[in-house]
Amino acid sequence: MSILTTPKRRREAASGGNSLHVGPRPAIMSRLAAMTIMIVATITFLTPIWWLFVASTKNRSDLTSTNGLWFAEWNFGTNVSALLDYRGGIFLQWLGNSAIYTVGGALIGTLLAAMCGYALAKYQFRGREVLFNVVLGGVLVPLTALALPLFLMFSMVNLTNTFWSVFLPSLVSPFGVYLSRIFAAASVPDEVLEAARLDGSNEVRTFFTVSVRLMFPALVTIFLFQFVAIWNNFFLPLIMLRDESIMPVTLGLYNWNSQVSQIPELRGYVLIGALLSVIPLILMFSLLQRFWKNGLGSGAIK
């Protein structure tokens, strides 16, 4: 009676029966390499924030005479108090301006993007694909390239150096429209819309009572993208604004940094202000992280 040997058994026999120990080793090496890359990337991303935090705890002399990555004499509370009191609390005014620009622009911009993306995904009309291609073209255009044309447009209607010259452009988000169309197509079934219409609901009511709830994780994702983009917006306010009272915190800190050579104490204020300006972004991502992950997952499945 002959015994048939499979290729797998022949390989096991040739290796002396040790083939069971060959498989797990590459998997372990792959996991080790992935963990190493993630650890290095994490350290790279967090080191500037750590340096900024450490620098914010030092006085002016320790800032240049001690190790930049480790603490010296603790002066964080004193530094923050001095920053908030400087020039009558102008830094708090800049933070308030950034909050108004960001929260208002992100909320209204998200609503407009949701409505546009929903219409492109769920309604059939002439020129729909052409319009969507124009939106995609807008995604590819960098915001810095639009700053000068926007300045010329607002100068023609005497709106430069005003609140509206920064707020109105932040309401438009081609990338938000693009994401909204993808999410609307993925999360809003046509059958649900037909059922709502049969129940007598008009299109506006259906959108706000049915579609918005189904798209909510996606809308949070769009809101976060808008929030970060508007909060970090610098070039547009730099071109548009000259009045310090309406500047966002990014432009205000830039103006301080440009005066460090004449006013040395501004160096510490810039460092502490930069640290405090990062905190709203961290809080926003922490609070909305669960919805943000769900929104990204829906888009990935689509």
Protein backbone atom coordinates (compact mmCIF):
# COMPACT_ATOMS: atom_id res chain seq x y z
CA MET A 1 0.00 0.00 0.00
CA SER A 2 1.53 3.32 -1.11
CA ILE A 3 1.36 6.47 0.96
CA LEU A 4 0.65 9.67 -0.92
CA THR A 5 2.60 12.66 0.37
CA THR A 6 1.35 16.16 -0.17
CA PRO A 7 3.71 19.05 -0.97
CA LYS A 8 3.13 20.39 2.55
CA ARG A 9 4.22 17.09 4.13
CA ARG A 10 7.26 16.92 1.88
CA ARG A 11 8.30 20.40 3.02
CA GLU A 12 7.79 19.40 6.65
CA ALA A 13 9.89 16.26 6.14
CA ALA A 14 12.65 18.22 4.41
CA SER A 15 12.78 20.75 7.26
CA GLY A 16 12.91 18.05 9.92
CA GLY A 17 9.39 18.68 11.14
CA ASN A 18 10.12 22.23 12.32
CA SER A 19 7.84 24.02 9.83
CA LEU A 20 5.40 24.93 12.58
CA HIS A 21 7.93 27.41 13.93
CA VAL A 22 8.46 29.20 10.61
CA GLY A 23 5.06 30.92 10.33
CA PRO A 24 4.78 32.97 13.53
CA ARG A 25 8.23 34.53 13.26
CA PRO A 26 7.48 36.79 10.25
CA ALA A 27 4.23 37.87 11.93
CA ILE A 28 6.10 38.85 15.10
CA MET A 29 8.68 40.77 13.07
CA SER A 30 5.94 42.60 11.18
CA ARG A 31 4.20 43.63 14.40
CA LEU A 32 7.51 44.72 15.91
CA ALA A 33 8.32 46.84 12.84
CA ALA A 34 4.85 48.41 12.87
CA MET A 35 5.09 49.23 16.59
CA THR A 36 8.55 50.73 16.11
CA ILE A 37 7.33 52.98 13.31
CA MET A 38 4.31 54.11 15.35
CA ILE A 39 6.44 54.84 18.41
CA VAL A 40 8.92 56.88 16.38
CA ALA A 41 6.08 58.78 14.68
CA THR A 42 4.38 59.48 18.03
CA ILE A 43 7.60 60.81 19.56
CA THR A 44 8.18 62.97 16.48
CA PHE A 45 4.71 64.50 16.67
CA LEU A 46 4.64 65.01 20.44
CA THR A 47 8.15 66.39 20.94
CA PRO A 48 7.30 69.94 19.70
CA ILE A 49 4.25 70.04 21.98
CA TRP A 50 6.33 68.83 24.92
CA TRP A 51 8.97 71.46 24.19
CA LEU A 52 6.27 74.14 23.99
CA PHE A 53 4.81 73.07 27.34
CA VAL A 54 8.22 72.98 29.03
CA ALA A 55 9.14 76.41 27.61
CA SER A 56 5.86 77.84 28.90
CA THR A 57 6.85 76.96 32.48
CA LYS A 58 10.16 78.90 32.43
CA ASN A 59 11.05 82.50 33.02
CA ARG A 60 12.91 84.53 30.41
CA SER A 61 16.41 83.73 31.65
CA ASP A 62 15.79 79.97 32.01
CA LEU A 63 14.28 79.85 28.54
CA THR A 64 17.67 80.29 26.87
CA SER A 65 20.02 78.94 29.54
CA THR A 66 18.48 75.54 30.41
CA ASN A 67 17.70 72.31 28.61
CA GLY A 68 14.84 72.95 26.21
CA LEU A 69 13.21 69.56 26.82
CA TRP A 70 13.26 69.63 30.62
CA PHE A 71 11.88 71.82 33.36
CA ALA A 72 13.65 74.50 35.36
CA GLU A 73 11.98 76.79 37.89
CA TRP A 74 8.19 76.43 37.61
CA ASN A 75 6.57 79.70 36.52
CA PHE A 76 3.63 78.51 34.48
CA GLY A 77 0.90 80.23 36.51
CA THR A 78 2.82 83.48 36.63
CA ASN A 79 3.48 83.36 32.89
CA VAL A 80 -0.17 82.73 32.05
CA SER A 81 -1.31 85.53 34.35
CA ALA A 82 1.17 87.95 32.77
CA LEU A 83 0.00 86.95 29.31
CA LEU A 84 -3.67 87.51 30.13
CA ASP A 85 -2.92 90.91 31.69
CA TYR A 86 -0.69 92.16 28.89
CA ARG A 87 -2.15 95.19 27.07
CA GLY A 88 -5.48 94.91 28.81
CA GLY A 89 -6.09 91.26 27.92
CA ILE A 90 -5.71 91.54 24.15
CA PHE A 91 -4.85 87.83 23.97
CA LEU A 92 -8.26 86.89 25.40
CA GLN A 93 -9.87 89.12 22.78
CA TRP A 94 -7.96 87.28 20.06
CA LEU A 95 -9.09 83.95 21.47
CA GLY A 96 -12.68 85.19 21.46
CA ASN A 97 -12.35 86.34 17.85
CA SER A 98 -10.97 82.93 16.84
CA ALA A 99 -13.85 81.22 18.66
CA ILE A 100 -16.42 83.34 16.80
CA TYR A 101 -14.76 82.81 13.43
CA THR A 102 -14.32 79.09 14.04
CA VAL A 103 -17.51 77.98 15.74
CA GLY A 104 -19.79 80.13 13.60
CA GLY A 105 -17.96 79.33 10.38
CA ALA A 106 -17.75 75.61 11.14
CA LEU A 107 -21.44 75.29 12.05
CA ILE A 108 -22.79 77.26 9.10
CA GLY A 109 -20.18 75.79 6.73
CA THR A 110 -21.09 72.26 7.81
CA LEU A 111 -24.78 72.93 7.28
CA LEU A 112 -24.18 74.37 3.80
CA ALA A 113 -21.86 71.49 2.87
CA ALA A 114 -24.41 68.96 4.12
CA MET A 115 -27.21 70.50 2.10
CA CYS A 116 -25.12 70.72 -1.07
CA GLY A 117 -23.73 67.20 -0.74
CA TYR A 118 -27.16 65.78 0.05
CA ALA A 119 -28.66 67.43 -3.03
CA LEU A 120 -25.85 66.12 -5.24
CA ALA A 121 -26.30 62.61 -3.86
CA LYS A 122 -30.09 62.28 -3.76
CA TYR A 123 -31.54 64.48 -6.51
CA GLN A 124 -31.32 64.03 -10.25
CA PHE A 125 -31.00 67.29 -12.18
CA ARG A 126 -29.28 68.54 -15.29
CA GLY A 127 -25.64 69.41 -14.82
CA ARG A 128 -25.30 67.52 -11.54
CA GLU A 129 -22.05 65.76 -12.50
CA VAL A 130 -20.61 68.94 -13.99
CA LEU A 131 -21.34 70.78 -10.74
CA PHE A 132 -19.77 67.99 -8.71
CA ASN A 133 -16.66 68.08 -10.90
CA VAL A 134 -16.41 71.82 -10.25
CA VAL A 135 -16.57 71.06 -6.52
CA LEU A 136 -13.78 68.51 -6.91
CA GLY A 137 -11.76 71.14 -8.74
CA GLY A 138 -12.28 73.45 -5.79
CA VAL A 139 -10.87 70.77 -3.48
CA LEU A 140 -7.65 70.77 -5.47
CA VAL A 141 -7.14 74.54 -5.27
CA PRO A 142 -5.06 75.55 -2.20
CA LEU A 143 -6.57 78.19 0.06
CA THR A 144 -3.48 80.37 -0.19
CA ALA A 145 -4.06 80.70 -3.94
CA LEU A 146 -7.52 82.14 -3.26
CA ALA A 147 -6.44 84.71 -0.68
CA LEU A 148 -5.37 87.43 -3.11
CA PRO A 149 -8.47 87.13 -5.38
CA LEU A 150 -10.65 87.26 -2.27
CA PHE A 151 -8.85 90.38 -1.10
CA LEU A 152 -9.48 92.08 -4.44
CA MET A 153 -13.15 91.09 -4.37
CA PHE A 154 -13.71 92.34 -0.81
CA SER A 155 -11.79 95.55 -1.48
CA MET A 156 -14.20 96.34 -4.32
CA VAL A 157 -17.11 96.34 -1.84
CA ASN A 158 -15.13 97.98 1.00
CA LEU A 159 -15.22 94.94 3.27
CA THR A 160 -11.49 94.50 3.87
CA ASN A 161 -10.34 94.91 7.47
CA THR A 162 -13.76 93.81 8.69
CA PHE A 163 -15.13 90.75 10.45
CA TRP A 164 -16.92 89.62 7.29
CA SER A 165 -13.75 89.51 5.19
CA VAL A 166 -12.56 86.51 7.24
CA PHE A 167 -15.90 85.00 8.27
CA LEU A 168 -17.65 84.75 4.89
CA PRO A 169 -14.88 82.82 3.04
CA SER A 170 -14.79 80.29 5.88
CA LEU A 171 -18.39 79.26 5.15
CA VAL A 172 -17.42 77.61 1.86
CA SER A 173 -15.85 74.15 2.00
CA PRO A 174 -15.57 72.15 -1.26
CA PHE A 175 -14.02 69.27 0.66
CA GLY A 176 -16.99 69.30 3.02
CA VAL A 177 -19.39 69.12 0.07
CA TYR A 178 -17.41 66.20 -1.34
CA LEU A 179 -17.50 64.29 1.96
CA SER A 180 -21.16 65.12 2.46
CA ARG A 181 -22.10 63.64 -0.91
CA ILE A 182 -20.21 60.43 -0.13
CA PHE A 183 -21.79 60.07 3.31
CA ALA A 184 -25.29 60.94 2.09
CA ALA A 185 -25.10 58.29 -0.61
CA ALA A 186 -23.86 55.74 1.95
CA SER A 187 -26.06 56.44 4.99
CA VAL A 188 -29.39 57.77 3.66
CA PRO A 189 -31.38 55.01 1.90
CA ASP A 190 -33.70 56.08 -0.90
CA GLU A 191 -36.44 53.91 0.62
CA VAL A 192 -36.44 56.01 3.78
CA LEU A 193 -36.84 59.21 1.76
CA GLU A 194 -39.70 57.70 -0.25
CA ALA A 195 -41.44 56.65 2.96
CA ALA A 196 -41.12 60.17 4.35
CA ARG A 197 -42.57 61.65 1.16
CA LEU A 198 -45.49 59.22 1.29
CA ASP A 199 -46.17 60.36 4.85
CA GLY A 200 -46.54 63.93 3.59
CA SER A 201 -43.17 65.32 4.67
CA ASN A 202 -41.74 68.01 2.41
CA GLU A 203 -38.10 67.96 1.27
CA VAL A 204 -36.82 70.49 3.80
CA ARG A 205 -38.47 68.72 6.73
CA THR A 206 -37.22 65.35 5.50
CA PHE A 207 -33.68 66.65 5.32
CA PHE A 208 -33.64 68.11 8.84
CA THR A 209 -35.63 65.40 10.62
CA VAL A 210 -34.46 62.27 8.80
CA SER A 211 -31.35 62.80 6.70
CA VAL A 212 -29.42 64.94 9.18
CA ARG A 213 -29.84 62.30 11.89
CA LEU A 214 -28.59 59.56 9.59
CA MET A 215 -25.67 61.73 8.46
CA PHE A 216 -24.80 62.97 11.95
CA PRO A 217 -21.45 61.12 12.36
CA ALA A 218 -20.41 62.40 8.94
CA LEU A 219 -21.44 65.95 9.82
CA VAL A 220 -19.30 65.83 12.95
CA THR A 221 -16.36 64.80 10.79
CA ILE A 222 -16.96 67.70 8.43
CA PHE A 223 -17.38 70.06 11.39
CA LEU A 224 -14.01 68.98 12.82
CA PHE A 225 -12.25 69.49 9.50
CA GLN A 226 -13.83 72.94 9.23
CA PHE A 227 -13.02 73.78 12.83
CA VAL A 228 -9.33 72.94 12.46
CA ALA A 229 -9.01 74.69 9.09
CA ILE A 230 -10.62 77.93 10.30
CA TRP A 231 -8.82 77.96 13.66
CA ASN A 232 -5.44 77.53 11.95
CA ASN A 233 -6.27 79.95 9.14
CA PHE A 234 -3.48 82.51 8.91
CA PHE A 235 -2.82 83.76 5.40
CA LEU A 236 -6.32 85.12 4.74
CA PRO A 237 -6.48 87.17 7.99
CA LEU A 238 -2.93 88.36 7.32
CA ILE A 239 -4.03 89.87 4.00
CA MET A 240 -7.45 91.07 5.10
CA LEU A 241 -7.00 92.50 8.59
CA ARG A 242 -5.06 95.41 10.04
CA ASP A 243 -7.18 96.16 13.11
CA GLU A 244 -5.90 94.21 16.14
CA SER A 245 -9.33 94.16 17.74
CA ILE A 246 -10.72 91.73 15.14
CA MET A 247 -7.62 89.58 14.61
CA PRO A 248 -7.70 85.83 15.33
CA VAL A 249 -5.16 84.41 17.74
CA THR A 250 -2.91 83.05 14.97
CA LEU A 251 -2.39 86.48 13.42
CA GLY A 252 -2.05 88.17 16.80
CA LEU A 253 0.73 85.82 17.90
CA TYR A 254 2.45 86.31 14.55
CA ASN A 255 2.46 90.07 15.08
CA TRP A 256 3.93 89.62 18.54
CA ASN A 257 6.59 87.26 17.21
CA SER A 258 7.63 89.83 14.61
CA GLN A 259 8.26 92.34 17.43
CA VAL A 260 10.40 90.08 19.62
CA SER A 261 13.63 91.84 18.68
CA GLN A 262 12.21 95.18 19.92
CA ILE A 263 10.21 93.78 22.89
CA PRO A 264 12.04 90.70 24.28
CA GLU A 265 9.33 89.76 26.80
CA LEU A 266 7.00 88.97 23.90
CA ARG A 267 8.97 85.77 23.25
CA GLY A 268 7.55 84.16 26.38
CA TYR A 269 4.07 85.47 25.64
CA VAL A 270 4.19 83.97 22.14
CA LEU A 271 5.18 80.55 23.53
CA ILE A 272 2.49 80.51 26.22
CA GLY A 273 -0.10 81.86 23.78
CA ALA A 274 0.75 79.16 21.24
CA LEU A 275 0.31 76.49 23.93
CA LEU A 276 -3.05 77.89 25.04
CA SER A 277 -4.24 78.19 21.44
CA VAL A 278 -3.71 74.45 20.92
CA ILE A 279 -5.94 73.46 23.85
CA PRO A 280 -9.32 74.15 22.08
CA LEU A 281 -8.31 71.84 19.22
CA ILE A 282 -7.37 69.06 21.65
CA LEU A 283 -10.62 69.47 23.58
CA MET A 284 -12.73 69.46 20.42
CA PHE A 285 -11.16 66.28 19.11
CA SER A 286 -11.45 64.60 22.52
CA LEU A 287 -15.13 65.47 22.92
CA LEU A 288 -16.16 64.49 19.38
CA GLN A 289 -13.77 61.58 18.87
CA ARG A 290 -16.45 58.89 18.97
CA PHE A 291 -18.59 60.53 16.28
CA TRP A 292 -15.50 61.37 14.22
CA LYS A 293 -14.40 57.73 14.10
CA ASN A 294 -17.89 56.58 13.10
CA GLY A 295 -18.00 59.17 10.32
CA LEU A 296 -14.63 58.14 8.93
CA GLY A 297 -15.69 54.49 9.09
CA SER A 298 -18.84 55.18 7.09
CA GLY A 299 -16.84 56.96 4.42
CA ALA A 300 -14.30 54.14 4.26
CA ILE A 301 -17.04 51.54 3.75
CA LYS A 302 -18.54 53.56 0.93
